[in-house]
Amino acid sequence: GGEILEVEVGVVPGSGKVELTGNLGSVMKESAQAALSYIRSRAVQLGIEADFYKTKDIHVHFPEGAVPKDGPSAGIAVTTAMLSALTDRKIKAGIAMTGEVTLRGRVLPIGGLKEKTMAALRSGIRTVILPKDNVKDLEEIDQTVRTALHFVPVESVDQVFAAALVPSPAVSAVEHMTALPMEP
């Protein structure tokens, strides 16, 4: 059971339109709106222009449009994909994630973790980011699947970003400079 759901986000100059495509149900659309609201509320801290929502059009697409998609589990994936597209920061390879996001950036638990982790393993995924409240559900997962995957429990979207996104060159340079010894 379970399938991997891909999400793509494109950002182009525009007037602030948000396009959601891929045979989405109302809950998926609400997750995408919550993701955008969270990013807007923290734009400056995330390294995005404060008025990006007025000058950029964002297209969120879930490929395989013939397959209906609904449910809250893609919230952190949509939020991470949006931030990646808006900042040109790549998402690390081999990562899957599941969890709903609130307007304040909390990561809420999901159902179906057993099926989702089996799908991740079948797809060649090695790291799964999941809500911290779902850690107790890992006991229900087959031992073979559990040992083959690395689980990263998170409580906030900021923890998701830290685990999933490749550091930006600016952040890396600042971290590098702070690590250098100061000369007298």
C-alpha atoms as a PDB file:
ATOM      1  CA  GLY A   1       0.000   0.000   0.000  1.00  0.00           C
ATOM      2  CA  GLY A   2       0.858   3.651  -0.270  1.00  0.00           C
ATOM      3  CA  GLU A   3       2.240   5.725  -3.102  1.00  0.00           C
ATOM      4  CA  ILE A   4       4.795   8.492  -3.447  1.00  0.00           C
ATOM      5  CA  LEU A   5       3.254  11.798  -4.472  1.00  0.00           C
ATOM      6  CA  GLU A   6       5.531  14.259  -6.237  1.00  0.00           C
ATOM      7  CA  VAL A   7       5.078  18.003  -5.981  1.00  0.00           C
ATOM      8  CA  GLU A   8       6.542  20.603  -8.319  1.00  0.00           C
ATOM      9  CA  VAL A   9       6.575  24.342  -7.757  1.00  0.00           C
ATOM     10  CA  GLY A  10       7.367  26.945 -10.379  1.00  0.00           C
ATOM     11  CA  VAL A  11       7.862  30.654  -9.694  1.00  0.00           C
ATOM     12  CA  VAL A  12       7.757  33.272 -12.437  1.00  0.00           C
ATOM     13  CA  PRO A  13       7.477  37.065 -12.500  1.00  0.00           C
ATOM     14  CA  GLY A  14       3.834  38.044 -12.240  1.00  0.00           C
ATOM     15  CA  SER A  15       1.161  39.671 -10.134  1.00  0.00           C
ATOM     16  CA  GLY A  16       0.731  37.248  -7.234  1.00  0.00           C
ATOM     17  CA  LYS A  17      -1.401  34.533  -8.769  1.00  0.00           C
ATOM     18  CA  VAL A  18      -1.303  31.053  -7.262  1.00  0.00           C
ATOM     19  CA  GLU A  19      -2.138  28.151  -9.560  1.00  0.00           C
ATOM     20  CA  LEU A  20      -2.800  24.658  -8.166  1.00  0.00           C
ATOM     21  CA  THR A  21      -3.022  21.771 -10.628  1.00  0.00           C
ATOM     22  CA  GLY A  22      -3.043  17.992 -10.616  1.00  0.00           C
ATOM     23  CA  ASN A  23      -6.597  16.816  -9.814  1.00  0.00           C
ATOM     24  CA  LEU A  24      -6.500  18.126  -6.245  1.00  0.00           C
ATOM     25  CA  GLY A  25      -9.235  17.882  -3.644  1.00  0.00           C
ATOM     26  CA  SER A  26     -10.202  20.736  -1.351  1.00  0.00           C
ATOM     27  CA  VAL A  27      -7.955  19.616   1.534  1.00  0.00           C
ATOM     28  CA  MET A  28      -4.851  19.632  -0.720  1.00  0.00           C
ATOM     29  CA  LYS A  29      -5.756  23.118  -1.939  1.00  0.00           C
ATOM     30  CA  GLU A  30      -6.113  24.293   1.660  1.00  0.00           C
ATOM     31  CA  SER A  31      -2.691  22.817   2.494  1.00  0.00           C
ATOM     32  CA  ALA A  32      -1.120  24.772  -0.370  1.00  0.00           C
ATOM     33  CA  GLN A  33      -2.792  27.992   0.815  1.00  0.00           C
ATOM     34  CA  ALA A  34      -1.586  27.380   4.396  1.00  0.00           C
ATOM     35  CA  ALA A  35       1.947  26.750   3.086  1.00  0.00           C
ATOM     36  CA  LEU A  36       1.909  30.041   1.188  1.00  0.00           C
ATOM     37  CA  SER A  37       0.546  31.949   4.191  1.00  0.00           C
ATOM     38  CA  TYR A  38       3.272  30.532   6.420  1.00  0.00           C
ATOM     39  CA  ILE A  39       5.986  31.525   3.946  1.00  0.00           C
ATOM     40  CA  ARG A  40       4.484  35.003   3.538  1.00  0.00           C
ATOM     41  CA  SER A  41       4.442  35.495   7.305  1.00  0.00           C
ATOM     42  CA  ARG A  42       8.158  34.657   7.550  1.00  0.00           C
ATOM     43  CA  ALA A  43       9.394  35.851   4.155  1.00  0.00           C
ATOM     44  CA  VAL A  44      12.187  38.103   5.414  1.00  0.00           C
ATOM     45  CA  GLN A  45      13.543  35.486   7.868  1.00  0.00           C
ATOM     46  CA  LEU A  46      13.461  32.903   5.074  1.00  0.00           C
ATOM     47  CA  GLY A  47      15.466  35.120   2.707  1.00  0.00           C
ATOM     48  CA  ILE A  48      12.592  36.083   0.426  1.00  0.00           C
ATOM     49  CA  GLU A  49      11.538  39.582  -0.606  1.00  0.00           C
ATOM     50  CA  ALA A  50       8.694  40.726   1.668  1.00  0.00           C
ATOM     51  CA  ASP A  51       6.432  41.566  -1.291  1.00  0.00           C
ATOM     52  CA  PHE A  52       7.133  38.402  -3.320  1.00  0.00           C
ATOM     53  CA  TYR A  53       3.438  37.534  -3.227  1.00  0.00           C
ATOM     54  CA  LYS A  54       2.732  40.689  -5.264  1.00  0.00           C
ATOM     55  CA  THR A  55       5.497  40.243  -7.841  1.00  0.00           C
ATOM     56  CA  LYS A  56       5.656  36.478  -8.403  1.00  0.00           C
ATOM     57  CA  ASP A  57       3.193  33.919  -9.695  1.00  0.00           C
ATOM     58  CA  ILE A  58       3.462  30.511  -8.056  1.00  0.00           C
ATOM     59  CA  HIS A  59       2.349  27.307  -9.730  1.00  0.00           C
ATOM     60  CA  VAL A  60       2.038  24.192  -7.542  1.00  0.00           C
ATOM     61  CA  HIS A  61       1.616  21.032  -9.591  1.00  0.00           C
ATOM     62  CA  PHE A  62       1.099  17.420  -8.591  1.00  0.00           C
ATOM     63  CA  PRO A  63       1.956  15.300 -11.670  1.00  0.00           C
ATOM     64  CA  GLU A  64      -0.221  12.377 -12.764  1.00  0.00           C
ATOM     65  CA  GLY A  65      -3.351  14.520 -12.935  1.00  0.00           C
ATOM     66  CA  ALA A  66      -5.576  11.530 -13.667  1.00  0.00           C
ATOM     67  CA  VAL A  67      -5.075  10.273 -10.101  1.00  0.00           C
ATOM     68  CA  PRO A  68      -7.280  12.158  -7.605  1.00  0.00           C
ATOM     69  CA  LYS A  69      -5.288  13.554  -4.657  1.00  0.00           C
ATOM     70  CA  ASP A  70      -6.640  14.776  -1.357  1.00  0.00           C
ATOM     71  CA  GLY A  71      -5.609  14.823   2.275  1.00  0.00           C
ATOM     72  CA  PRO A  72      -3.464  16.957   4.542  1.00  0.00           C
ATOM     73  CA  SER A  73      -0.277  14.866   4.528  1.00  0.00           C
ATOM     74  CA  ALA A  74       1.505  16.859   1.820  1.00  0.00           C
ATOM     75  CA  GLY A  75       1.573  20.148   3.776  1.00  0.00           C
ATOM     76  CA  ILE A  76       5.270  20.121   4.705  1.00  0.00           C
ATOM     77  CA  ALA A  77       6.252  18.896   1.236  1.00  0.00           C
ATOM     78  CA  VAL A  78       4.347  21.737  -0.433  1.00  0.00           C
ATOM     79  CA  THR A  79       5.811  24.300   1.981  1.00  0.00           C
ATOM     80  CA  THR A  80       9.355  23.021   1.402  1.00  0.00           C
ATOM     81  CA  ALA A  81       8.893  22.929  -2.384  1.00  0.00           C
ATOM     82  CA  MET A  82       7.577  26.514  -2.360  1.00  0.00           C
ATOM     83  CA  LEU A  83      10.515  27.742  -0.290  1.00  0.00           C
ATOM     84  CA  SER A  84      12.921  25.862  -2.549  1.00  0.00           C
ATOM     85  CA  ALA A  85      11.460  27.500  -5.660  1.00  0.00           C
ATOM     86  CA  LEU A  86      11.359  30.973  -4.109  1.00  0.00           C
ATOM     87  CA  THR A  87      14.962  30.862  -2.843  1.00  0.00           C
ATOM     88  CA  ASP A  88      16.610  28.633  -5.484  1.00  0.00           C
ATOM     89  CA  ARG A  89      17.723  26.299  -2.693  1.00  0.00           C
ATOM     90  CA  LYS A  90      17.730  22.682  -3.781  1.00  0.00           C
ATOM     91  CA  ILE A  91      16.040  19.901  -1.845  1.00  0.00           C
ATOM     92  CA  LYS A  92      18.375  17.073  -0.883  1.00  0.00           C
ATOM     93  CA  ALA A  93      18.036  13.879  -2.914  1.00  0.00           C
ATOM     94  CA  GLY A  94      16.509  10.730  -1.463  1.00  0.00           C
ATOM     95  CA  ILE A  95      14.122  12.464   0.954  1.00  0.00           C
ATOM     96  CA  ALA A  96      10.396  11.927   1.399  1.00  0.00           C
ATOM     97  CA  MET A  97       8.253  13.814   3.887  1.00  0.00           C
ATOM     98  CA  THR A  98       4.789  13.655   5.337  1.00  0.00           C
ATOM     99  CA  GLY A  99       2.929  15.943   7.701  1.00  0.00           C
ATOM    100  CA  GLU A 100       0.432  18.766   7.749  1.00  0.00           C
ATOM    101  CA  VAL A 101       1.555  22.333   8.421  1.00  0.00           C
ATOM    102  CA  THR A 102      -0.276  24.981  10.422  1.00  0.00           C
ATOM    103  CA  LEU A 103      -0.238  28.714   9.755  1.00  0.00           C
ATOM    104  CA  ARG A 104       2.289  29.050  12.588  1.00  0.00           C
ATOM    105  CA  GLY A 105       4.586  26.368  11.165  1.00  0.00           C
ATOM    106  CA  ARG A 106       3.765  23.473  13.478  1.00  0.00           C
ATOM    107  CA  VAL A 107       3.876  20.000  11.931  1.00  0.00           C
ATOM    108  CA  LEU A 108       0.799  17.926  12.722  1.00  0.00           C
ATOM    109  CA  PRO A 109       0.572  14.107  12.716  1.00  0.00           C
ATOM    110  CA  ILE A 110      -0.785  12.069   9.823  1.00  0.00           C
ATOM    111  CA  GLY A 111      -2.358   8.659   9.282  1.00  0.00           C
ATOM    112  CA  GLY A 112      -1.148   5.756   7.174  1.00  0.00           C
ATOM    113  CA  LEU A 113       2.522   5.946   8.145  1.00  0.00           C
ATOM    114  CA  LYS A 114       3.045   2.220   7.568  1.00  0.00           C
ATOM    115  CA  GLU A 115       1.868   2.416   3.960  1.00  0.00           C
ATOM    116  CA  LYS A 116       3.725   5.654   3.300  1.00  0.00           C
ATOM    117  CA  THR A 117       7.047   4.288   4.548  1.00  0.00           C
ATOM    118  CA  MET A 118       6.655   1.135   2.457  1.00  0.00           C
ATOM    119  CA  ALA A 119       6.043   3.301  -0.622  1.00  0.00           C
ATOM    120  CA  ALA A 120       9.103   5.415   0.208  1.00  0.00           C
ATOM    121  CA  LEU A 121      11.329   2.340   0.450  1.00  0.00           C
ATOM    122  CA  ARG A 122       9.937   0.900  -2.812  1.00  0.00           C
ATOM    123  CA  SER A 123      10.764   4.216  -4.517  1.00  0.00           C
ATOM    124  CA  GLY A 124      14.385   4.211  -3.383  1.00  0.00           C
ATOM    125  CA  ILE A 125      13.950   6.806  -0.651  1.00  0.00           C
ATOM    126  CA  ARG A 126      16.379   6.530   2.260  1.00  0.00           C
ATOM    127  CA  THR A 127      15.277   9.392   4.553  1.00  0.00           C
ATOM    128  CA  VAL A 128      11.722  10.098   5.718  1.00  0.00           C
ATOM    129  CA  ILE A 129      10.801  13.304   7.517  1.00  0.00           C
ATOM    130  CA  LEU A 130       7.736  12.742   9.679  1.00  0.00           C
ATOM    131  CA  PRO A 131       5.797  14.494  12.443  1.00  0.00           C
ATOM    132  CA  LYS A 132       7.293  13.910  15.883  1.00  0.00           C
ATOM    133  CA  ASP A 133       3.835  12.862  17.102  1.00  0.00           C
ATOM    134  CA  ASN A 134       3.994   9.907  14.662  1.00  0.00           C
ATOM    135  CA  VAL A 135       7.198   8.419  16.143  1.00  0.00           C
ATOM    136  CA  LYS A 136       5.065   6.080  18.259  1.00  0.00           C
ATOM    137  CA  ASP A 137       3.611   4.660  15.021  1.00  0.00           C
ATOM    138  CA  LEU A 138       7.041   3.449  13.874  1.00  0.00           C
ATOM    139  CA  GLU A 139       6.523   0.338  16.029  1.00  0.00           C
ATOM    140  CA  GLU A 140       3.794  -0.788  13.599  1.00  0.00           C
ATOM    141  CA  ILE A 141       6.202  -0.674  10.653  1.00  0.00           C
ATOM    142  CA  ASP A 142       7.871  -3.862   9.455  1.00  0.00           C
ATOM    143  CA  GLN A 143      11.376  -4.234  10.900  1.00  0.00           C
ATOM    144  CA  THR A 144      12.896  -4.514   7.398  1.00  0.00           C
ATOM    145  CA  VAL A 145      11.392  -1.165   6.400  1.00  0.00           C
ATOM    146  CA  ARG A 146      12.369   0.445   9.718  1.00  0.00           C
ATOM    147  CA  THR A 147      16.014  -0.528   9.453  1.00  0.00           C
ATOM    148  CA  ALA A 148      16.279   0.459   5.776  1.00  0.00           C
ATOM    149  CA  LEU A 149      15.022   4.009   6.347  1.00  0.00           C
ATOM    150  CA  HIS A 150      16.389   6.925   8.348  1.00  0.00           C
ATOM    151  CA  PHE A 151      13.578   8.788  10.139  1.00  0.00           C
ATOM    152  CA  VAL A 152      13.760  12.485  10.997  1.00  0.00           C
ATOM    153  CA  PRO A 153      11.010  13.476  13.459  1.00  0.00           C
ATOM    154  CA  VAL A 154      10.041  17.165  13.335  1.00  0.00           C
ATOM    155  CA  GLU A 155       7.760  19.519  15.241  1.00  0.00           C
ATOM    156  CA  SER A 156       8.178  22.642  13.106  1.00  0.00           C
ATOM    157  CA  VAL A 157       8.546  23.529   9.449  1.00  0.00           C
ATOM    158  CA  ASP A 158      11.886  25.171  10.257  1.00  0.00           C
ATOM    159  CA  GLN A 159      13.176  21.727  11.291  1.00  0.00           C
ATOM    160  CA  VAL A 160      11.901  20.360   7.963  1.00  0.00           C
ATOM    161  CA  PHE A 161      13.770  23.093   6.076  1.00  0.00           C
ATOM    162  CA  ALA A 162      16.970  22.354   8.008  1.00  0.00           C
ATOM    163  CA  ALA A 163      16.725  18.631   7.239  1.00  0.00           C
ATOM    164  CA  ALA A 164      15.558  18.848   3.626  1.00  0.00           C
ATOM    165  CA  LEU A 165      17.135  21.891   1.993  1.00  0.00           C
ATOM    166  CA  VAL A 166      20.697  22.241   0.805  1.00  0.00           C
ATOM    167  CA  PRO A 167      22.155  25.261   2.648  1.00  0.00           C
ATOM    168  CA  SER A 168      22.198  28.436   0.589  1.00  0.00           C
ATOM    169  CA  PRO A 169      25.645  29.738  -0.414  1.00  0.00           C
ATOM    170  CA  ALA A 170      25.064  32.907   1.650  1.00  0.00           C
ATOM    171  CA  VAL A 171      24.259  30.901   4.785  1.00  0.00           C
ATOM    172  CA  SER A 172      27.226  28.603   4.195  1.00  0.00           C
ATOM    173  CA  ALA A 173      29.572  31.580   3.790  1.00  0.00           C
ATOM    174  CA  VAL A 174      28.332  33.181   7.013  1.00  0.00           C
ATOM    175  CA  GLU A 175      28.689  29.883   8.897  1.00  0.00           C
ATOM    176  CA  HIS A 176      32.186  29.509   7.467  1.00  0.00           C
ATOM    177  CA  MET A 177      33.179  33.042   8.454  1.00  0.00           C
ATOM    178  CA  THR A 178      31.933  32.575  11.995  1.00  0.00           C
ATOM    179  CA  ALA A 179      33.941  29.385  12.286  1.00  0.00           C
ATOM    180  CA  LEU A 180      37.197  31.107  11.314  1.00  0.00           C
ATOM    181  CA  PRO A 181      39.473  32.122  14.173  1.00  0.00           C
ATOM    182  CA  MET A 182      39.716  35.839  14.787  1.00  0.00           C
ATOM    183  CA  GLU A 183      43.178  37.347  14.580  1.00  0.00           C
ATOM    184  CA  PRO A 184      44.274  39.769  17.307  1.00  0.00           C
END
